N, C-alpha and C. Protein backbone atom coordinates (compact mmCIF):
# COMPACT_ATOMS: atom_id res chain seq x y z
N MET A 1 48.29 -154.77 -33.54
CA MET A 1 48.48 -155.94 -32.72
C MET A 1 49.53 -156.82 -33.37
N THR A 2 50.34 -157.41 -32.54
CA THR A 2 51.33 -158.34 -33.05
C THR A 2 51.00 -159.74 -32.57
N LEU A 3 51.58 -160.72 -33.24
CA LEU A 3 51.40 -162.11 -32.85
C LEU A 3 51.94 -162.32 -31.43
N VAL A 4 53.00 -161.61 -31.08
CA VAL A 4 53.57 -161.73 -29.74
C VAL A 4 52.55 -161.28 -28.69
N GLU A 5 51.88 -160.15 -28.93
CA GLU A 5 50.87 -159.65 -27.99
C GLU A 5 49.72 -160.65 -27.84
N PHE A 6 49.25 -161.17 -28.97
CA PHE A 6 48.15 -162.14 -28.93
C PHE A 6 48.59 -163.39 -28.17
N SER A 7 49.77 -163.89 -28.48
CA SER A 7 50.28 -165.10 -27.82
C SER A 7 50.46 -164.87 -26.32
N ARG A 8 50.90 -163.68 -25.93
CA ARG A 8 51.08 -163.37 -24.51
C ARG A 8 49.74 -163.43 -23.78
N GLU A 9 48.71 -162.83 -24.38
CA GLU A 9 47.39 -162.85 -23.73
C GLU A 9 46.82 -164.26 -23.69
N MET A 10 47.02 -165.03 -24.77
CA MET A 10 46.51 -166.40 -24.81
C MET A 10 47.22 -167.29 -23.81
N GLY A 11 48.49 -166.99 -23.51
CA GLY A 11 49.28 -167.82 -22.63
C GLY A 11 49.23 -167.45 -21.17
N ARG A 12 48.49 -166.40 -20.83
CA ARG A 12 48.41 -166.00 -19.41
C ARG A 12 47.84 -167.14 -18.58
N ARG A 13 48.46 -167.36 -17.42
CA ARG A 13 47.96 -168.36 -16.49
C ARG A 13 47.86 -167.72 -15.12
N PRO A 14 46.71 -167.65 -14.52
CA PRO A 14 45.46 -168.12 -15.11
C PRO A 14 45.03 -167.22 -16.27
N PHE A 15 44.34 -167.82 -17.21
CA PHE A 15 43.87 -167.08 -18.38
C PHE A 15 42.93 -165.97 -17.96
N GLN A 16 43.05 -164.81 -18.60
CA GLN A 16 42.14 -163.70 -18.37
C GLN A 16 41.49 -163.36 -19.70
N PRO A 17 40.16 -163.34 -19.76
CA PRO A 17 39.49 -162.97 -21.00
C PRO A 17 39.95 -161.59 -21.47
N PHE A 18 39.93 -161.39 -22.78
CA PHE A 18 40.32 -160.11 -23.34
C PHE A 18 39.47 -159.80 -24.56
N THR A 19 39.48 -158.54 -24.95
CA THR A 19 38.69 -158.09 -26.09
C THR A 19 39.61 -157.70 -27.22
N LEU A 20 39.26 -158.16 -28.43
CA LEU A 20 39.95 -157.71 -29.64
C LEU A 20 39.19 -156.50 -30.15
N VAL A 21 39.88 -155.39 -30.36
CA VAL A 21 39.27 -154.19 -30.91
C VAL A 21 39.81 -154.04 -32.33
N LEU A 22 38.90 -154.06 -33.32
CA LEU A 22 39.30 -153.94 -34.71
C LEU A 22 39.45 -152.48 -35.10
N VAL A 23 40.11 -152.24 -36.23
CA VAL A 23 40.33 -150.87 -36.69
C VAL A 23 39.03 -150.12 -36.96
N ASP A 24 37.95 -150.85 -37.24
CA ASP A 24 36.66 -150.19 -37.49
C ASP A 24 35.81 -150.05 -36.22
N GLY A 25 36.38 -150.43 -35.07
CA GLY A 25 35.69 -150.26 -33.79
C GLY A 25 34.94 -151.49 -33.30
N GLN A 26 34.79 -152.51 -34.14
CA GLN A 26 34.12 -153.73 -33.69
C GLN A 26 34.92 -154.35 -32.55
N ARG A 27 34.21 -155.00 -31.63
CA ARG A 27 34.86 -155.65 -30.48
C ARG A 27 34.39 -157.09 -30.38
N PHE A 28 35.34 -157.96 -30.08
CA PHE A 28 35.05 -159.38 -29.89
C PHE A 28 35.79 -159.84 -28.64
N THR A 29 35.11 -160.60 -27.80
CA THR A 29 35.72 -161.08 -26.56
C THR A 29 36.21 -162.51 -26.73
N ILE A 30 37.44 -162.73 -26.33
CA ILE A 30 38.02 -164.08 -26.26
C ILE A 30 37.88 -164.49 -24.80
N ASP A 31 36.95 -165.41 -24.53
CA ASP A 31 36.67 -165.74 -23.14
C ASP A 31 37.29 -167.05 -22.65
N HIS A 32 37.94 -167.78 -23.56
CA HIS A 32 38.59 -169.03 -23.16
C HIS A 32 39.68 -169.36 -24.18
N PRO A 33 40.84 -169.78 -23.73
CA PRO A 33 41.95 -170.02 -24.66
C PRO A 33 41.72 -171.18 -25.63
N GLU A 34 40.84 -172.09 -25.31
CA GLU A 34 40.60 -173.22 -26.21
C GLU A 34 39.75 -172.84 -27.41
N PHE A 35 39.19 -171.64 -27.41
CA PHE A 35 38.30 -171.24 -28.49
C PHE A 35 38.91 -170.19 -29.41
N ALA A 36 40.26 -170.05 -29.39
CA ALA A 36 40.92 -169.07 -30.25
C ALA A 36 42.31 -169.58 -30.64
N ALA A 37 42.74 -169.19 -31.84
CA ALA A 37 44.06 -169.59 -32.33
C ALA A 37 44.45 -168.70 -33.50
N THR A 38 45.74 -168.76 -33.86
CA THR A 38 46.21 -168.09 -35.06
C THR A 38 46.69 -169.15 -36.03
N ASP A 39 46.77 -168.76 -37.30
CA ASP A 39 47.35 -169.68 -38.27
C ASP A 39 48.87 -169.67 -38.09
N ARG A 40 49.56 -170.51 -38.79
CA ARG A 40 51.01 -170.65 -38.61
C ARG A 40 51.78 -169.37 -38.92
N ARG A 41 51.24 -168.57 -39.83
CA ARG A 41 51.92 -167.32 -40.20
C ARG A 41 51.55 -166.17 -39.29
N GLY A 42 50.52 -166.34 -38.46
CA GLY A 42 50.07 -165.27 -37.59
C GLY A 42 49.24 -164.23 -38.31
N ARG A 43 48.75 -164.57 -39.49
CA ARG A 43 47.98 -163.61 -40.29
C ARG A 43 46.50 -163.65 -39.98
N VAL A 44 45.98 -164.79 -39.54
CA VAL A 44 44.55 -164.93 -39.30
C VAL A 44 44.32 -165.39 -37.86
N VAL A 45 43.42 -164.69 -37.17
CA VAL A 45 42.98 -165.09 -35.84
C VAL A 45 41.61 -165.72 -36.01
N THR A 46 41.46 -166.95 -35.55
CA THR A 46 40.18 -167.65 -35.60
C THR A 46 39.70 -167.85 -34.18
N PHE A 47 38.43 -167.57 -33.94
CA PHE A 47 37.89 -167.78 -32.60
C PHE A 47 36.40 -168.03 -32.69
N TYR A 48 35.86 -168.60 -31.63
CA TYR A 48 34.43 -168.89 -31.52
C TYR A 48 33.83 -167.97 -30.47
N GLY A 49 32.74 -167.30 -30.83
CA GLY A 49 32.04 -166.41 -29.92
C GLY A 49 31.20 -167.20 -28.94
N SER A 50 30.63 -166.49 -27.97
CA SER A 50 29.82 -167.15 -26.94
C SER A 50 28.58 -167.82 -27.54
N ASP A 51 28.16 -167.38 -28.74
CA ASP A 51 27.02 -168.02 -29.40
C ASP A 51 27.46 -169.12 -30.37
N ASN A 52 28.75 -169.51 -30.26
CA ASN A 52 29.35 -170.58 -31.05
C ASN A 52 29.55 -170.23 -32.52
N THR A 53 29.49 -168.95 -32.88
CA THR A 53 29.80 -168.54 -34.24
C THR A 53 31.31 -168.46 -34.42
N ARG A 54 31.78 -168.93 -35.56
CA ARG A 54 33.22 -168.89 -35.85
C ARG A 54 33.55 -167.59 -36.57
N HIS A 55 34.63 -166.95 -36.11
CA HIS A 55 35.10 -165.72 -36.72
C HIS A 55 36.54 -165.93 -37.18
N GLU A 56 36.84 -165.45 -38.38
CA GLU A 56 38.22 -165.45 -38.88
C GLU A 56 38.54 -164.02 -39.25
N ILE A 57 39.56 -163.46 -38.59
CA ILE A 57 39.89 -162.06 -38.77
C ILE A 57 41.35 -161.93 -39.17
N ASP A 58 41.62 -161.13 -40.17
CA ASP A 58 42.98 -160.81 -40.56
C ASP A 58 43.62 -160.08 -39.38
N SER A 59 44.72 -160.58 -38.87
CA SER A 59 45.34 -160.00 -37.68
C SER A 59 45.76 -158.55 -37.89
N ARG A 60 45.96 -158.13 -39.14
CA ARG A 60 46.34 -156.75 -39.41
C ARG A 60 45.19 -155.79 -39.16
N LEU A 61 43.96 -156.31 -39.02
CA LEU A 61 42.80 -155.47 -38.75
C LEU A 61 42.53 -155.31 -37.26
N ILE A 62 43.32 -155.99 -36.43
CA ILE A 62 43.15 -155.88 -34.98
C ILE A 62 43.99 -154.70 -34.49
N PHE A 63 43.31 -153.71 -33.97
CA PHE A 63 43.95 -152.48 -33.52
C PHE A 63 44.52 -152.63 -32.12
N GLU A 64 43.80 -153.34 -31.24
CA GLU A 64 44.18 -153.36 -29.84
C GLU A 64 43.64 -154.61 -29.16
N LEU A 65 44.37 -155.06 -28.14
CA LEU A 65 43.89 -156.11 -27.24
C LEU A 65 43.65 -155.46 -25.90
N VAL A 66 42.46 -155.65 -25.34
CA VAL A 66 42.12 -155.05 -24.06
C VAL A 66 41.74 -156.16 -23.09
N ALA A 67 42.52 -156.28 -22.00
CA ALA A 67 42.23 -157.30 -20.99
C ALA A 67 40.99 -156.91 -20.21
N ILE A 68 40.23 -157.91 -19.80
CA ILE A 68 39.01 -157.68 -19.01
C ILE A 68 39.30 -158.04 -17.57
N ASP A 69 39.10 -157.09 -16.68
CA ASP A 69 39.32 -157.31 -15.25
C ASP A 69 38.20 -158.21 -14.73
N GLN A 70 38.56 -159.37 -14.21
CA GLN A 70 37.57 -160.34 -13.74
C GLN A 70 36.79 -159.87 -12.53
N VAL A 71 37.37 -159.00 -11.71
CA VAL A 71 36.72 -158.60 -10.47
C VAL A 71 35.49 -157.76 -10.71
N ASP A 72 35.61 -156.72 -11.54
CA ASP A 72 34.46 -155.83 -11.73
C ASP A 72 34.00 -155.72 -13.18
N GLY A 73 34.60 -156.51 -14.07
CA GLY A 73 34.20 -156.48 -15.47
C GLY A 73 34.76 -155.31 -16.24
N ALA A 74 35.58 -154.47 -15.59
CA ALA A 74 36.17 -153.31 -16.26
C ALA A 74 37.28 -153.78 -17.18
N SER A 75 37.59 -152.97 -18.18
CA SER A 75 38.66 -153.28 -19.11
C SER A 75 39.92 -152.54 -18.71
N ARG A 76 41.05 -153.14 -19.02
CA ARG A 76 42.32 -152.45 -18.83
C ARG A 76 43.21 -152.83 -20.01
N ALA A 77 44.04 -151.89 -20.41
CA ALA A 77 44.96 -152.16 -21.50
C ALA A 77 46.05 -153.07 -21.00
N PRO A 78 46.40 -154.13 -21.76
CA PRO A 78 47.48 -155.01 -21.31
C PRO A 78 48.81 -154.26 -21.35
N THR A 79 49.71 -154.60 -20.43
CA THR A 79 51.01 -153.95 -20.43
C THR A 79 51.83 -154.48 -21.58
N THR A 80 52.73 -153.66 -22.09
CA THR A 80 53.60 -154.07 -23.17
C THR A 80 55.03 -153.97 -22.70
N ASN A 81 55.88 -154.88 -23.17
CA ASN A 81 57.30 -154.90 -22.83
C ASN A 81 57.53 -154.87 -21.32
N GLY A 82 56.70 -155.56 -20.56
CA GLY A 82 56.85 -155.59 -19.12
C GLY A 82 56.58 -154.24 -18.48
N GLY A 83 55.77 -153.44 -19.16
CA GLY A 83 55.51 -152.04 -18.76
C GLY A 83 54.89 -151.88 -17.41
N GLU A 84 54.56 -150.65 -17.15
CA GLU A 84 54.07 -150.27 -15.84
C GLU A 84 52.58 -150.42 -15.72
């Protein structure tokens, strides 16, 4: 994952929740843009889970960002570089 990819998903309007998939398979959902951010260097992603727990994750451990389809709850991979 790159800072550009994270920023693109955070900046979507209207915002669409997405899942961070870590290299070890753990998954965390970002359900609102006000509850997630990166540090100035883009090395750490901080976010609050639905149970209000704070998570700080080294961005190099994030393998993939997966957008969540609001209509049926299904996941889809976000497009890259204006892809298809």
